[in-house]
Each structure stands twice: as C-alpha cells, then as structure tokens.
C-alpha cells in the first residue's frame, strides 16, 4: 500500500506544473491550502457518513478519496509524504495514550 501512496504522491507533485483548466489536481494545487483543506474536510465527512451507513464499497471509495485529498494537501503545504511515513514509523510500538500524553507535555 505504501508503494501505491508513494506513487500517487509523486504523481500529484508532478501535476504542480499542469494546467488547472485541464487537470483536477493542478486546479486543487493552484487553489492553495484553503481549497485543498476544504476538499479534504468534505471527503472526511463523506468518509464518516459512509462508515456509518454500513456499505463497505461506499466506505472503500470514500477512504480512497480521503487519502487522495490528504496527499494533495500535503503537497500544497510542501510536506513530503515520506515525512508522514517517518512519523508513523516513529510512533510504531508506542502506546497511543503515551504518545498523546507526550505531545501535550
């Protein structure tokens, strides 16, 4: 899965130079963080709704949309996907309760 997301992140990065009139990704990137964040929020809500509806296929599609739009937002903010993966690696094996407590300290 990481390979798929890494490839998608690279594709999104390559679209920065694209024409916003011809590329949805280029349009999102041109809109900056406000547009990308709004789209991510919309997809997050749609994912929650799908999760509560009980339809696995709908949740699968919305989860894919959510991940896609998260990668777009990361690109807009110049946050490499590799940095997110490194943070997840850092947290591996750490209790979620302990990790959250360390953040607020």
C-alpha atoms as a PDB file:
ATOM      1  CA  UNK A   1       0.000   0.000   0.000  1.00  0.00           C
ATOM      2  CA  UNK A   2       2.823   2.379   0.812  1.00  0.00           C
ATOM      3  CA  UNK A   3       4.139   1.974  -2.741  1.00  0.00           C
ATOM      4  CA  UNK A   4       0.749   2.916  -4.136  1.00  0.00           C
ATOM      5  CA  UNK A   5       0.520   6.018  -1.966  1.00  0.00           C
ATOM      6  CA  UNK A   6       4.129   6.971  -2.672  1.00  0.00           C
ATOM      7  CA  UNK A   7       3.495   6.713  -6.423  1.00  0.00           C
ATOM      8  CA  UNK A   8       0.306   8.753  -6.045  1.00  0.00           C
ATOM      9  CA  UNK A   9       2.161  11.432  -4.066  1.00  0.00           C
ATOM     10  CA  UNK A  10       4.757  11.632  -6.860  1.00  0.00           C
ATOM     11  CA  UNK A  11       2.026  11.935  -9.489  1.00  0.00           C
ATOM     12  CA  UNK A  12       0.371  14.719  -7.510  1.00  0.00           C
ATOM     13  CA  UNK A  13       3.718  16.535  -7.208  1.00  0.00           C
ATOM     14  CA  UNK A  14       4.235  16.254 -10.965  1.00  0.00           C
ATOM     15  CA  UNK A  15       0.860  17.904 -11.562  1.00  0.00           C
ATOM     16  CA  UNK A  16       2.072  21.147  -9.978  1.00  0.00           C
ATOM     17  CA  UNK A  17       3.234  22.235 -13.409  1.00  0.00           C
ATOM     18  CA  UNK A  18      -0.048  21.223 -15.011  1.00  0.00           C
ATOM     19  CA  UNK A  19      -2.781  23.413 -16.402  1.00  0.00           C
ATOM     20  CA  UNK A  20      -5.537  23.944 -13.803  1.00  0.00           C
ATOM     21  CA  UNK A  21      -8.064  24.061 -16.653  1.00  0.00           C
ATOM     22  CA  UNK A  22      -7.047  20.571 -17.777  1.00  0.00           C
ATOM     23  CA  UNK A  23      -6.086  18.845 -14.511  1.00  0.00           C
ATOM     24  CA  UNK A  24      -8.171  18.466 -11.361  1.00  0.00           C
ATOM     25  CA  UNK A  25      -5.012  18.029  -9.292  1.00  0.00           C
ATOM     26  CA  UNK A  26      -3.424  21.140 -10.809  1.00  0.00           C
ATOM     27  CA  UNK A  27      -6.637  23.040 -10.019  1.00  0.00           C
ATOM     28  CA  UNK A  28      -6.522  21.904  -6.386  1.00  0.00           C
ATOM     29  CA  UNK A  29      -2.835  22.784  -6.110  1.00  0.00           C
ATOM     30  CA  UNK A  30      -3.414  26.213  -7.668  1.00  0.00           C
ATOM     31  CA  UNK A  31      -6.164  26.852  -5.118  1.00  0.00           C
ATOM     32  CA  UNK A  32      -3.641  26.518  -2.333  1.00  0.00           C
ATOM     33  CA  UNK A  33      -4.185  25.310   1.206  1.00  0.00           C
ATOM     34  CA  UNK A  34      -7.687  26.774   1.605  1.00  0.00           C
ATOM     35  CA  UNK A  35      -9.092  24.797  -1.330  1.00  0.00           C
ATOM     36  CA  UNK A  36      -7.147  21.626  -0.580  1.00  0.00           C
ATOM     37  CA  UNK A  37      -8.115  21.712   3.106  1.00  0.00           C
ATOM     38  CA  UNK A  38     -11.775  22.313   2.290  1.00  0.00           C
ATOM     39  CA  UNK A  39     -11.809  19.353  -0.111  1.00  0.00           C
ATOM     40  CA  UNK A  40     -10.103  17.166   2.496  1.00  0.00           C
ATOM     41  CA  UNK A  41     -12.733  18.183   5.034  1.00  0.00           C
ATOM     42  CA  UNK A  42     -15.545  17.356   2.617  1.00  0.00           C
ATOM     43  CA  UNK A  43     -14.037  13.945   1.950  1.00  0.00           C
ATOM     44  CA  UNK A  44     -13.574  13.321   5.683  1.00  0.00           C
ATOM     45  CA  UNK A  45     -17.265  13.980   6.293  1.00  0.00           C
ATOM     46  CA  UNK A  46     -18.239  11.749   3.364  1.00  0.00           C
ATOM     47  CA  UNK A  47     -15.990   9.011   4.773  1.00  0.00           C
ATOM     48  CA  UNK A  48     -17.666   9.229   8.177  1.00  0.00           C
ATOM     49  CA  UNK A  49     -21.110   9.094   6.581  1.00  0.00           C
ATOM     50  CA  UNK A  50     -20.094   6.047   4.546  1.00  0.00           C
ATOM     51  CA  UNK A  51     -18.655   4.374   7.645  1.00  0.00           C
ATOM     52  CA  UNK A  52     -21.943   4.805   9.444  1.00  0.00           C
ATOM     53  CA  UNK A  53     -24.074   3.623   6.512  1.00  0.00           C
ATOM     54  CA  UNK A  54     -22.702   0.104   6.681  1.00  0.00           C
ATOM     55  CA  UNK A  55     -21.870  -0.121   2.964  1.00  0.00           C
ATOM     56  CA  UNK A  56     -18.303  -1.416   2.616  1.00  0.00           C
ATOM     57  CA  UNK A  57     -17.972  -0.465  -1.060  1.00  0.00           C
ATOM     58  CA  UNK A  58     -19.021   3.117  -0.379  1.00  0.00           C
ATOM     59  CA  UNK A  59     -16.593   3.373   2.541  1.00  0.00           C
ATOM     60  CA  UNK A  60     -13.807   1.988   0.355  1.00  0.00           C
ATOM     61  CA  UNK A  61     -14.385   4.647  -2.291  1.00  0.00           C
ATOM     62  CA  UNK A  62     -14.623   7.468   0.209  1.00  0.00           C
ATOM     63  CA  UNK A  63     -11.495   6.278   2.028  1.00  0.00           C
ATOM     64  CA  UNK A  64      -9.620   6.371  -1.279  1.00  0.00           C
ATOM     65  CA  UNK A  65     -10.887   9.912  -1.912  1.00  0.00           C
ATOM     66  CA  UNK A  66      -9.828  10.920   1.601  1.00  0.00           C
ATOM     67  CA  UNK A  67      -6.292   9.583   1.171  1.00  0.00           C
ATOM     68  CA  UNK A  68      -6.003  11.240  -2.246  1.00  0.00           C
ATOM     69  CA  UNK A  69      -7.074  14.639  -0.918  1.00  0.00           C
ATOM     70  CA  UNK A  70      -4.753  14.294   2.084  1.00  0.00           C
ATOM     71  CA  UNK A  71      -1.836  13.767  -0.299  1.00  0.00           C
ATOM     72  CA  UNK A  72      -2.909  16.858  -2.257  1.00  0.00           C
ATOM     73  CA  UNK A  73      -2.968  18.935   0.930  1.00  0.00           C
ATOM     74  CA  UNK A  74       0.459  17.651   1.934  1.00  0.00           C
ATOM     75  CA  UNK A  75       1.787  18.649  -1.499  1.00  0.00           C
ATOM     76  CA  UNK A  76       0.238  22.112  -1.253  1.00  0.00           C
ATOM     77  CA  UNK A  77       1.933  22.638   2.113  1.00  0.00           C
ATOM     78  CA  UNK A  78       5.260  21.143   0.911  1.00  0.00           C
ATOM     79  CA  UNK A  79       5.105  18.335   3.473  1.00  0.00           C
ATOM     80  CA  UNK A  80       6.717  15.240   1.958  1.00  0.00           C
ATOM     81  CA  UNK A  81       4.689  12.051   2.272  1.00  0.00           C
ATOM     82  CA  UNK A  82       7.937  10.407   3.390  1.00  0.00           C
ATOM     83  CA  UNK A  83       7.884  12.662   6.466  1.00  0.00           C
ATOM     84  CA  UNK A  84       4.409  11.390   7.359  1.00  0.00           C
ATOM     85  CA  UNK A  85       5.588   7.802   6.950  1.00  0.00           C
ATOM     86  CA  UNK A  86       8.627   8.536   9.123  1.00  0.00           C
ATOM     87  CA  UNK A  87       6.354   9.930  11.824  1.00  0.00           C
ATOM     88  CA  UNK A  88       4.218   6.795  11.701  1.00  0.00           C
ATOM     89  CA  UNK A  89       7.378   4.690  11.953  1.00  0.00           C
ATOM     90  CA  UNK A  90       8.467   6.733  14.966  1.00  0.00           C
ATOM     91  CA  UNK A  91       5.143   6.042  16.677  1.00  0.00           C
ATOM     92  CA  UNK A  92       5.190   2.312  15.983  1.00  0.00           C
ATOM     93  CA  UNK A  93       5.144   0.327  19.202  1.00  0.00           C
ATOM     94  CA  UNK A  94       4.290   3.380  21.296  1.00  0.00           C
ATOM     95  CA  UNK A  95       1.058   3.332  23.241  1.00  0.00           C
ATOM     96  CA  UNK A  96      -1.443   5.779  21.774  1.00  0.00           C
ATOM     97  CA  UNK A  97      -2.186   7.034  25.273  1.00  0.00           C
ATOM     98  CA  UNK A  98       1.512   7.582  25.996  1.00  0.00           C
ATOM     99  CA  UNK A  99       2.098   9.225  22.617  1.00  0.00           C
ATOM    100  CA  UNK A 100      -0.759  11.707  23.153  1.00  0.00           C
ATOM    101  CA  UNK A 101       0.448  12.471  26.685  1.00  0.00           C
ATOM    102  CA  UNK A 102       3.955  13.198  25.332  1.00  0.00           C
ATOM    103  CA  UNK A 103       2.512  15.642  22.787  1.00  0.00           C
ATOM    104  CA  UNK A 104       0.721  17.699  25.434  1.00  0.00           C
ATOM    105  CA  UNK A 105       3.733  17.784  27.777  1.00  0.00           C
END
